[in-house]
Amino acid sequence: MVLESFQVGTGDVSTVLLHGFLGSGRNLRSLAVAWTQADPRRRILLPDLTGHGQSPALPPDADLSTLARDVVDTLDAQGFTGAVDWVGHSLGGRVSLAASLHAPERVKRLTLLDIAPGPVPLDLSESGYVLDILLQAPPRADNRRALRADLTGRGLSEGLSDWLLMNLEPDGDGVRWRFDRDALFRLHKRVNGEDLWPAVERPVHPPVRCIRGGRSRYVPEESARRMEAAGCPVAVLPEAGHFVHVDSAQTLLAWLMAG
């Protein structure tokens, strides 16, 4: 399945940059632009993952391998041949790990942004909390302002509500959610339970590195030590939360450039 995507940069170092759960490629545009300006060798593809943004809907039994295969199909369709660098935030990182297992010939190296290979416990999943609130919101409303009021009234911050509202589309004289919230709920439960440690602990694998937010719980100390033992260096952005590309954009860029 070919996904909606756009490109930043025209260099010869092919890179795919993958967003997190409930996001879209646009969430990482600023990072991609800054990276290609600092390193003109980069050519970066930013897809909307399956079921997200403007991409096709999720198949009923979609899992991480489904999402990874769709990214590979999109790389092919956009002329990104051979092995490329995969960089993924949160869900995007887990899709990248799945790609290294199911299409290893397409993965040159992996960069994980605040995510670990193991299953994500429900009590650590910020996206699960957001999804629970999203499922309670009405399917449509007369305008964006009404849905924003509903989300903030259920406890979401204004910033997070505005981020979710990027997924609205016109519906007659109102607006509705572009994505299938129930399908995303099923996907969330399925992909968070997948164990991807074989991607970093098998005898031969592409180079893997990770950077985590010091205020985030997605990469616990035990997982960081286990990754380090498997040859996957783990760096920390002390002031960042889960959205490392937002909270510490310049420091993250410097780390990406140094790798």
C-alpha atoms as a PDB file:
ATOM      1  CA  MET A   1       0.000   0.000   0.000  1.00  0.00           C
ATOM      2  CA  VAL A   2       1.415   3.384  -0.989  1.00  0.00           C
ATOM      3  CA  LEU A   3       1.061   6.046   1.703  1.00  0.00           C
ATOM      4  CA  GLU A   4       0.584   9.788   1.520  1.00  0.00           C
ATOM      5  CA  SER A   5       4.034  11.353   1.871  1.00  0.00           C
ATOM      6  CA  PHE A   6       6.219  14.331   1.072  1.00  0.00           C
ATOM      7  CA  GLN A   7       9.952  14.878   0.714  1.00  0.00           C
ATOM      8  CA  VAL A   8      12.423  17.352   2.170  1.00  0.00           C
ATOM      9  CA  GLY A   9      15.915  17.747   0.762  1.00  0.00           C
ATOM     10  CA  THR A  10      17.553  16.559  -2.438  1.00  0.00           C
ATOM     11  CA  GLY A  11      20.730  14.863  -1.234  1.00  0.00           C
ATOM     12  CA  ASP A  12      21.871  11.295  -1.786  1.00  0.00           C
ATOM     13  CA  VAL A  13      21.635  10.045   1.823  1.00  0.00           C
ATOM     14  CA  SER A  14      18.154   8.508   1.784  1.00  0.00           C
ATOM     15  CA  THR A  15      16.254   8.743   5.058  1.00  0.00           C
ATOM     16  CA  VAL A  16      12.693   7.957   6.135  1.00  0.00           C
ATOM     17  CA  LEU A  17      11.331   9.885   9.123  1.00  0.00           C
ATOM     18  CA  LEU A  18       8.302   8.378  10.870  1.00  0.00           C
ATOM     19  CA  HIS A  19       5.860  10.079  13.234  1.00  0.00           C
ATOM     20  CA  GLY A  20       4.202   8.726  16.359  1.00  0.00           C
ATOM     21  CA  PHE A  21       0.717   7.469  17.172  1.00  0.00           C
ATOM     22  CA  LEU A  22      -2.160   9.801  16.171  1.00  0.00           C
ATOM     23  CA  GLY A  23       0.283  12.031  14.279  1.00  0.00           C
ATOM     24  CA  SER A  24       1.248  12.584  10.656  1.00  0.00           C
ATOM     25  CA  GLY A  25       4.327  13.379   8.622  1.00  0.00           C
ATOM     26  CA  ARG A  26       3.692  17.095   9.125  1.00  0.00           C
ATOM     27  CA  ASN A  27       4.561  16.707  12.811  1.00  0.00           C
ATOM     28  CA  LEU A  28       8.214  16.170  11.853  1.00  0.00           C
ATOM     29  CA  ARG A  29       8.508  18.694   9.017  1.00  0.00           C
ATOM     30  CA  SER A  30      10.420  21.233  11.130  1.00  0.00           C
ATOM     31  CA  LEU A  31      12.964  18.589  12.141  1.00  0.00           C
ATOM     32  CA  ALA A  32      13.359  17.421   8.533  1.00  0.00           C
ATOM     33  CA  VAL A  33      13.854  20.972   7.232  1.00  0.00           C
ATOM     34  CA  ALA A  34      16.415  21.810   9.923  1.00  0.00           C
ATOM     35  CA  TRP A  35      18.264  18.535   9.325  1.00  0.00           C
ATOM     36  CA  THR A  36      18.511  18.958   5.554  1.00  0.00           C
ATOM     37  CA  GLN A  37      19.603  22.587   5.925  1.00  0.00           C
ATOM     38  CA  ALA A  38      22.359  21.510   8.315  1.00  0.00           C
ATOM     39  CA  ASP A  39      23.240  18.443   6.214  1.00  0.00           C
ATOM     40  CA  PRO A  40      22.389  18.978   2.517  1.00  0.00           C
ATOM     41  CA  ARG A  41      23.359  15.370   1.789  1.00  0.00           C
ATOM     42  CA  ARG A  42      20.003  14.265   3.251  1.00  0.00           C
ATOM     43  CA  ARG A  43      16.903  13.427   1.273  1.00  0.00           C
ATOM     44  CA  ILE A  44      14.082  12.705   3.721  1.00  0.00           C
ATOM     45  CA  LEU A  45      10.731  11.026   3.072  1.00  0.00           C
ATOM     46  CA  LEU A  46       7.963  11.783   5.581  1.00  0.00           C
ATOM     47  CA  PRO A  47       4.949   9.473   5.154  1.00  0.00           C
ATOM     48  CA  ASP A  48       1.658   9.465   7.009  1.00  0.00           C
ATOM     49  CA  LEU A  49       1.609   5.959   8.514  1.00  0.00           C
ATOM     50  CA  THR A  50      -1.259   3.663   7.565  1.00  0.00           C
ATOM     51  CA  GLY A  51      -4.507   4.865   9.145  1.00  0.00           C
ATOM     52  CA  HIS A  52      -3.000   8.275   9.959  1.00  0.00           C
ATOM     53  CA  GLY A  53      -3.163  11.653   8.261  1.00  0.00           C
ATOM     54  CA  GLN A  54      -4.095  11.425   4.585  1.00  0.00           C
ATOM     55  CA  SER A  55      -3.008   7.793   4.149  1.00  0.00           C
ATOM     56  CA  PRO A  56      -5.373   4.870   3.442  1.00  0.00           C
ATOM     57  CA  ALA A  57      -7.361   3.292   6.273  1.00  0.00           C
ATOM     58  CA  LEU A  58      -6.049   0.493   8.456  1.00  0.00           C
ATOM     59  CA  PRO A  59      -6.733  -3.108   7.389  1.00  0.00           C
ATOM     60  CA  PRO A  60      -8.668  -5.050  10.083  1.00  0.00           C
ATOM     61  CA  ASP A  61      -5.656  -6.991  11.380  1.00  0.00           C
ATOM     62  CA  ALA A  62      -2.952  -4.379  10.882  1.00  0.00           C
ATOM     63  CA  ASP A  63       0.166  -4.738  13.010  1.00  0.00           C
ATOM     64  CA  LEU A  64       3.676  -3.314  12.994  1.00  0.00           C
ATOM     65  CA  SER A  65       4.764  -5.469  10.054  1.00  0.00           C
ATOM     66  CA  THR A  66       1.768  -4.167   8.069  1.00  0.00           C
ATOM     67  CA  LEU A  67       2.815  -0.579   8.722  1.00  0.00           C
ATOM     68  CA  ALA A  68       6.453  -1.360   7.931  1.00  0.00           C
ATOM     69  CA  ARG A  69       5.591  -3.015   4.600  1.00  0.00           C
ATOM     70  CA  ASP A  70       3.498   0.006   3.626  1.00  0.00           C
ATOM     71  CA  VAL A  71       6.443   2.308   4.336  1.00  0.00           C
ATOM     72  CA  VAL A  72       8.675   0.103   2.160  1.00  0.00           C
ATOM     73  CA  ASP A  73       6.073   0.222  -0.640  1.00  0.00           C
ATOM     74  CA  THR A  74       6.069   4.011  -0.345  1.00  0.00           C
ATOM     75  CA  LEU A  75       9.863   4.204  -0.450  1.00  0.00           C
ATOM     76  CA  ASP A  76       9.772   2.191  -3.686  1.00  0.00           C
ATOM     77  CA  ALA A  77       7.041   4.367  -5.181  1.00  0.00           C
ATOM     78  CA  GLN A  78       8.980   7.548  -4.388  1.00  0.00           C
ATOM     79  CA  GLY A  79      12.261   6.288  -5.833  1.00  0.00           C
ATOM     80  CA  PHE A  80      14.088   5.541  -2.571  1.00  0.00           C
ATOM     81  CA  THR A  81      15.991   2.390  -3.519  1.00  0.00           C
ATOM     82  CA  GLY A  82      18.184   0.070  -1.490  1.00  0.00           C
ATOM     83  CA  ALA A  83      18.902   0.398   2.217  1.00  0.00           C
ATOM     84  CA  VAL A  84      17.950   3.726   3.821  1.00  0.00           C
ATOM     85  CA  ASP A  85      18.269   5.315   7.257  1.00  0.00           C
ATOM     86  CA  TRP A  86      15.113   4.880   9.366  1.00  0.00           C
ATOM     87  CA  VAL A  87      14.345   7.442  12.091  1.00  0.00           C
ATOM     88  CA  GLY A  88      11.165   7.007  14.091  1.00  0.00           C
ATOM     89  CA  HIS A  89       9.493   8.750  17.007  1.00  0.00           C
ATOM     90  CA  SER A  90       7.426   6.532  19.329  1.00  0.00           C
ATOM     91  CA  LEU A  91       5.214   4.363  17.071  1.00  0.00           C
ATOM     92  CA  GLY A  92       7.459   5.339  14.156  1.00  0.00           C
ATOM     93  CA  GLY A  93      10.421   3.865  15.991  1.00  0.00           C
ATOM     94  CA  ARG A  94       8.591   0.609  16.549  1.00  0.00           C
ATOM     95  CA  VAL A  95       7.644   0.499  12.855  1.00  0.00           C
ATOM     96  CA  SER A  96      11.320   1.006  12.032  1.00  0.00           C
ATOM     97  CA  LEU A  97      12.315  -1.924  14.243  1.00  0.00           C
ATOM     98  CA  ALA A  98       9.665  -4.087  12.570  1.00  0.00           C
ATOM     99  CA  ALA A  99      11.051  -3.092   9.166  1.00  0.00           C
ATOM    100  CA  SER A 100      14.511  -4.301  10.189  1.00  0.00           C
ATOM    101  CA  LEU A 101      12.992  -7.709  10.956  1.00  0.00           C
ATOM    102  CA  HIS A 102      10.696  -8.053   7.936  1.00  0.00           C
ATOM    103  CA  ALA A 103      12.655  -6.133   5.275  1.00  0.00           C
ATOM    104  CA  PRO A 104      16.262  -6.039   6.551  1.00  0.00           C
ATOM    105  CA  GLU A 105      17.648  -5.316   3.091  1.00  0.00           C
ATOM    106  CA  ARG A 106      15.909  -1.898   3.184  1.00  0.00           C
ATOM    107  CA  VAL A 107      17.334  -0.799   6.550  1.00  0.00           C
ATOM    108  CA  LYS A 108      20.795   0.765   6.689  1.00  0.00           C
ATOM    109  CA  ARG A 109      20.556   1.904  10.298  1.00  0.00           C
ATOM    110  CA  LEU A 110      17.910   2.756  12.901  1.00  0.00           C
ATOM    111  CA  THR A 111      17.409   5.766  15.117  1.00  0.00           C
ATOM    112  CA  LEU A 112      14.777   5.538  17.857  1.00  0.00           C
ATOM    113  CA  LEU A 113      13.324   8.740  19.284  1.00  0.00           C
ATOM    114  CA  ASP A 114      12.105   8.055  22.830  1.00  0.00           C
ATOM    115  CA  ILE A 115      10.938   4.490  22.364  1.00  0.00           C
ATOM    116  CA  ALA A 116      12.280   1.082  23.401  1.00  0.00           C
ATOM    117  CA  PRO A 117      11.921  -2.324  21.703  1.00  0.00           C
ATOM    118  CA  GLY A 118       9.871  -3.983  24.440  1.00  0.00           C
ATOM    119  CA  PRO A 119       6.083  -3.995  24.889  1.00  0.00           C
ATOM    120  CA  VAL A 120       4.751  -0.656  26.140  1.00  0.00           C
ATOM    121  CA  PRO A 121       2.827  -1.065  29.424  1.00  0.00           C
ATOM    122  CA  LEU A 122      -0.582   0.614  29.361  1.00  0.00           C
ATOM    123  CA  ASP A 123       0.262   2.782  32.364  1.00  0.00           C
ATOM    124  CA  LEU A 124       3.236   4.243  30.460  1.00  0.00           C
ATOM    125  CA  SER A 125       1.362   4.995  27.283  1.00  0.00           C
ATOM    126  CA  GLU A 126       0.527   8.684  26.952  1.00  0.00           C
ATOM    127  CA  SER A 127      -1.028   7.939  23.568  1.00  0.00           C
ATOM    128  CA  GLY A 128      -3.390   5.470  25.258  1.00  0.00           C
ATOM    129  CA  TYR A 129      -4.597   8.200  27.607  1.00  0.00           C
ATOM    130  CA  VAL A 130      -5.129  10.582  24.680  1.00  0.00           C
ATOM    131  CA  LEU A 131      -6.885   7.883  22.649  1.00  0.00           C
ATOM    132  CA  ASP A 132      -9.285   7.143  25.496  1.00  0.00           C
ATOM    133  CA  ILE A 133     -10.345  10.788  25.520  1.00  0.00           C
ATOM    134  CA  LEU A 134     -10.520  10.902  21.726  1.00  0.00           C
ATOM    135  CA  LEU A 135     -12.879   7.917  21.713  1.00  0.00           C
ATOM    136  CA  GLN A 136     -15.249   9.782  24.049  1.00  0.00           C
ATOM    137  CA  ALA A 137     -15.390  12.835  21.779  1.00  0.00           C
ATOM    138  CA  PRO A 138     -18.294  13.135  19.309  1.00  0.00           C
ATOM    139  CA  PRO A 139     -17.633  11.858  15.762  1.00  0.00           C
ATOM    140  CA  ARG A 140     -18.467  15.250  14.246  1.00  0.00           C
ATOM    141  CA  ALA A 141     -19.302  18.789  15.277  1.00  0.00           C
ATOM    142  CA  ASP A 142     -20.547  22.017  13.765  1.00  0.00           C
ATOM    143  CA  ASN A 143     -17.058  23.493  13.854  1.00  0.00           C
ATOM    144  CA  ARG A 144     -13.497  23.004  15.045  1.00  0.00           C
ATOM    145  CA  ARG A 145     -14.053  25.246  18.068  1.00  0.00           C
ATOM    146  CA  ALA A 146     -16.775  22.953  19.417  1.00  0.00           C
ATOM    147  CA  LEU A 147     -14.569  19.870  19.236  1.00  0.00           C
ATOM    148  CA  ARG A 148     -11.699  21.785  20.813  1.00  0.00           C
ATOM    149  CA  ALA A 149     -13.944  22.718  23.732  1.00  0.00           C
ATOM    150  CA  ASP A 150     -14.996  19.077  24.103  1.00  0.00           C
ATOM    151  CA  LEU A 151     -11.389  17.822  24.228  1.00  0.00           C
ATOM    152  CA  THR A 152     -10.156  20.470  26.657  1.00  0.00           C
ATOM    153  CA  GLY A 153     -13.254  19.873  28.772  1.00  0.00           C
ATOM    154  CA  ARG A 154     -12.220  16.227  29.095  1.00  0.00           C
ATOM    155  CA  GLY A 155      -8.807  17.226  30.455  1.00  0.00           C
ATOM    156  CA  LEU A 156      -6.543  17.554  27.412  1.00  0.00           C
ATOM    157  CA  SER A 157      -4.258  20.561  27.216  1.00  0.00           C
ATOM    158  CA  GLU A 158      -4.970  23.221  24.623  1.00  0.00           C
ATOM    159  CA  GLY A 159      -1.757  22.368  22.769  1.00  0.00           C
ATOM    160  CA  LEU A 160      -2.526  18.666  22.616  1.00  0.00           C
ATOM    161  CA  SER A 161      -6.118  19.355  21.590  1.00  0.00           C
ATOM    162  CA  ASP A 162      -4.943  21.596  18.749  1.00  0.00           C
ATOM    163  CA  TRP A 163      -2.529  18.867  17.631  1.00  0.00           C
ATOM    164  CA  LEU A 164      -5.365  16.318  17.462  1.00  0.00           C
ATOM    165  CA  LEU A 165      -7.597  18.772  15.611  1.00  0.00           C
ATOM    166  CA  MET A 166      -5.135  18.669  12.719  1.00  0.00           C
ATOM    167  CA  ASN A 167      -6.932  15.383  11.926  1.00  0.00           C
ATOM    168  CA  LEU A 168     -10.291  17.019  11.123  1.00  0.00           C
ATOM    169  CA  GLU A 169     -11.821  17.258   7.667  1.00  0.00           C
ATOM    170  CA  PRO A 170     -14.934  19.017   6.325  1.00  0.00           C
ATOM    171  CA  ASP A 171     -18.245  17.167   6.680  1.00  0.00           C
ATOM    172  CA  GLY A 172     -21.078  19.079   5.049  1.00  0.00           C
ATOM    173  CA  ASP A 173     -21.559  22.181   7.150  1.00  0.00           C
ATOM    174  CA  GLY A 174     -19.390  20.802   9.966  1.00  0.00           C
ATOM    175  CA  VAL A 175     -16.212  18.803  10.602  1.00  0.00           C
ATOM    176  CA  ARG A 176     -15.433  15.178  11.425  1.00  0.00           C
ATOM    177  CA  TRP A 177     -12.424  13.060  12.329  1.00  0.00           C
ATOM    178  CA  ARG A 178     -10.397  11.954   9.333  1.00  0.00           C
ATOM    179  CA  PHE A 179      -9.154   8.749  10.983  1.00  0.00           C
ATOM    180  CA  ASP A 180     -11.057   5.691  12.198  1.00  0.00           C
ATOM    181  CA  ARG A 181     -10.800   6.011  15.969  1.00  0.00           C
ATOM    182  CA  ASP A 182     -11.943   2.442  16.700  1.00  0.00           C
ATOM    183  CA  ALA A 183      -9.405   1.004  14.242  1.00  0.00           C
ATOM    184  CA  LEU A 184      -6.672   3.079  15.866  1.00  0.00           C
ATOM    185  CA  PHE A 185      -7.708   1.796  19.288  1.00  0.00           C
ATOM    186  CA  ARG A 186      -7.330  -1.805  18.079  1.00  0.00           C
ATOM    187  CA  LEU A 187      -3.983  -0.996  16.444  1.00  0.00           C
ATOM    188  CA  HIS A 188      -2.723   0.719  19.582  1.00  0.00           C
ATOM    189  CA  LYS A 189      -3.413  -2.312  21.741  1.00  0.00           C
ATOM    190  CA  ARG A 190      -1.860  -4.687  19.201  1.00  0.00           C
ATOM    191  CA  VAL A 191       1.352  -2.786  18.448  1.00  0.00           C
ATOM    192  CA  ASN A 192       2.093  -1.825  22.045  1.00  0.00           C
ATOM    193  CA  GLY A 193       2.060  -5.512  22.962  1.00  0.00           C
ATOM    194  CA  GLU A 194       4.605  -6.577  20.326  1.00  0.00           C
ATOM    195  CA  ASP A 195       8.075  -7.593  21.529  1.00  0.00           C
ATOM    196  CA  LEU A 196      10.750  -6.162  19.225  1.00  0.00           C
ATOM    197  CA  TRP A 197      13.845  -7.022  21.239  1.00  0.00           C
ATOM    198  CA  PRO A 198      14.974  -9.520  18.564  1.00  0.00           C
ATOM    199  CA  ALA A 199      15.550  -6.545  16.266  1.00  0.00           C
ATOM    200  CA  VAL A 200      18.413  -5.334  18.478  1.00  0.00           C
ATOM    201  CA  GLU A 201      19.544  -8.549  20.177  1.00  0.00           C
ATOM    202  CA  ARG A 202      19.926 -10.921  17.197  1.00  0.00           C
ATOM    203  CA  PRO A 203      23.518 -11.714  16.224  1.00  0.00           C
ATOM    204  CA  VAL A 204      23.485  -9.573  13.070  1.00  0.00           C
ATOM    205  CA  HIS A 205      21.383  -6.435  12.796  1.00  0.00           C
ATOM    206  CA  PRO A 206      21.664  -2.895  11.411  1.00  0.00           C
ATOM    207  CA  PRO A 207      23.220  -0.313  13.742  1.00  0.00           C
ATOM    208  CA  VAL A 208      20.646   0.991  16.230  1.00  0.00           C
ATOM    209  CA  ARG A 209      20.813   4.057  18.447  1.00  0.00           C
ATOM    210  CA  CYS A 210      18.277   5.705  20.732  1.00  0.00           C
ATOM    211  CA  ILE A 211      17.709   9.074  22.335  1.00  0.00           C
ATOM    212  CA  ARG A 212      15.214   9.485  25.157  1.00  0.00           C
ATOM    213  CA  GLY A 213      13.617  12.332  27.025  1.00  0.00           C
ATOM    214  CA  GLY A 214      14.735  12.738  30.595  1.00  0.00           C
ATOM    215  CA  ARG A 215      11.155  13.548  31.656  1.00  0.00           C
ATOM    216  CA  SER A 216       9.621  10.685  29.664  1.00  0.00           C
ATOM    217  CA  ARG A 217       8.885   7.167  30.904  1.00  0.00           C
ATOM    218  CA  TYR A 218       8.890   5.452  27.508  1.00  0.00           C
ATOM    219  CA  VAL A 219      12.500   4.253  27.807  1.00  0.00           C
ATOM    220  CA  PRO A 220      12.966   3.067  31.409  1.00  0.00           C
ATOM    221  CA  GLU A 221      16.452   2.606  32.839  1.00  0.00           C
ATOM    222  CA  GLU A 222      16.203  -1.182  32.578  1.00  0.00           C
ATOM    223  CA  SER A 223      15.448  -0.968  28.860  1.00  0.00           C
ATOM    224  CA  ALA A 224      18.238   1.573  28.318  1.00  0.00           C
ATOM    225  CA  ARG A 225      20.758  -0.757  29.979  1.00  0.00           C
ATOM    226  CA  ARG A 226      19.518  -3.702  27.924  1.00  0.00           C
ATOM    227  CA  MET A 227      19.873  -1.726  24.695  1.00  0.00           C
ATOM    228  CA  GLU A 228      23.362  -0.608  25.652  1.00  0.00           C
ATOM    229  CA  ALA A 229      24.320  -4.229  26.362  1.00  0.00           C
ATOM    230  CA  ALA A 230      23.098  -5.142  22.861  1.00  0.00           C
ATOM    231  CA  GLY A 231      25.325  -2.486  21.299  1.00  0.00           C
ATOM    232  CA  CYS A 232      22.630   0.175  20.949  1.00  0.00           C
ATOM    233  CA  PRO A 233      23.886   3.460  22.456  1.00  0.00           C
ATOM    234  CA  VAL A 234      21.294   5.453  24.379  1.00  0.00           C
ATOM    235  CA  ALA A 235      21.545   9.218  24.893  1.00  0.00           C
ATOM    236  CA  VAL A 236      19.371  11.405  27.126  1.00  0.00           C
ATOM    237  CA  LEU A 237      17.883  14.864  26.628  1.00  0.00           C
ATOM    238  CA  PRO A 238      17.408  15.828  30.297  1.00  0.00           C
ATOM    239  CA  GLU A 239      14.845  18.602  29.781  1.00  0.00           C
ATOM    240  CA  ALA A 240      12.736  16.788  27.172  1.00  0.00           C
ATOM    241  CA  GLY A 241       9.565  14.775  27.570  1.00  0.00           C
ATOM    242  CA  HIS A 242       8.288  12.204  25.087  1.00  0.00           C
ATOM    243  CA  PHE A 243       8.219  14.694  22.193  1.00  0.00           C
ATOM    244  CA  VAL A 244      11.987  15.120  22.044  1.00  0.00           C
ATOM    245  CA  HIS A 245      11.808  16.802  18.619  1.00  0.00           C
ATOM    246  CA  VAL A 246       9.661  19.569  20.117  1.00  0.00           C
ATOM    247  CA  ASP A 247      11.131  19.933  23.613  1.00  0.00           C
ATOM    248  CA  SER A 248      14.833  19.917  22.649  1.00  0.00           C
ATOM    249  CA  ALA A 249      14.870  20.487  18.901  1.00  0.00           C
ATOM    250  CA  GLN A 250      18.372  21.961  18.581  1.00  0.00           C
ATOM    251  CA  THR A 251      20.014  19.427  20.878  1.00  0.00           C
ATOM    252  CA  LEU A 252      18.292  16.576  19.074  1.00  0.00           C
ATOM    253  CA  LEU A 253      19.484  17.906  15.720  1.00  0.00           C
ATOM    254  CA  ALA A 254      23.056  18.105  16.975  1.00  0.00           C
ATOM    255  CA  TRP A 255      22.812  14.496  18.179  1.00  0.00           C
ATOM    256  CA  LEU A 256      21.426  13.343  14.819  1.00  0.00           C
ATOM    257  CA  MET A 257      24.232  15.127  13.011  1.00  0.00           C
ATOM    258  CA  ALA A 258      26.889  13.578  15.250  1.00  0.00           C
ATOM    259  CA  GLY A 259      25.704  10.006  14.729  1.00  0.00           C
END
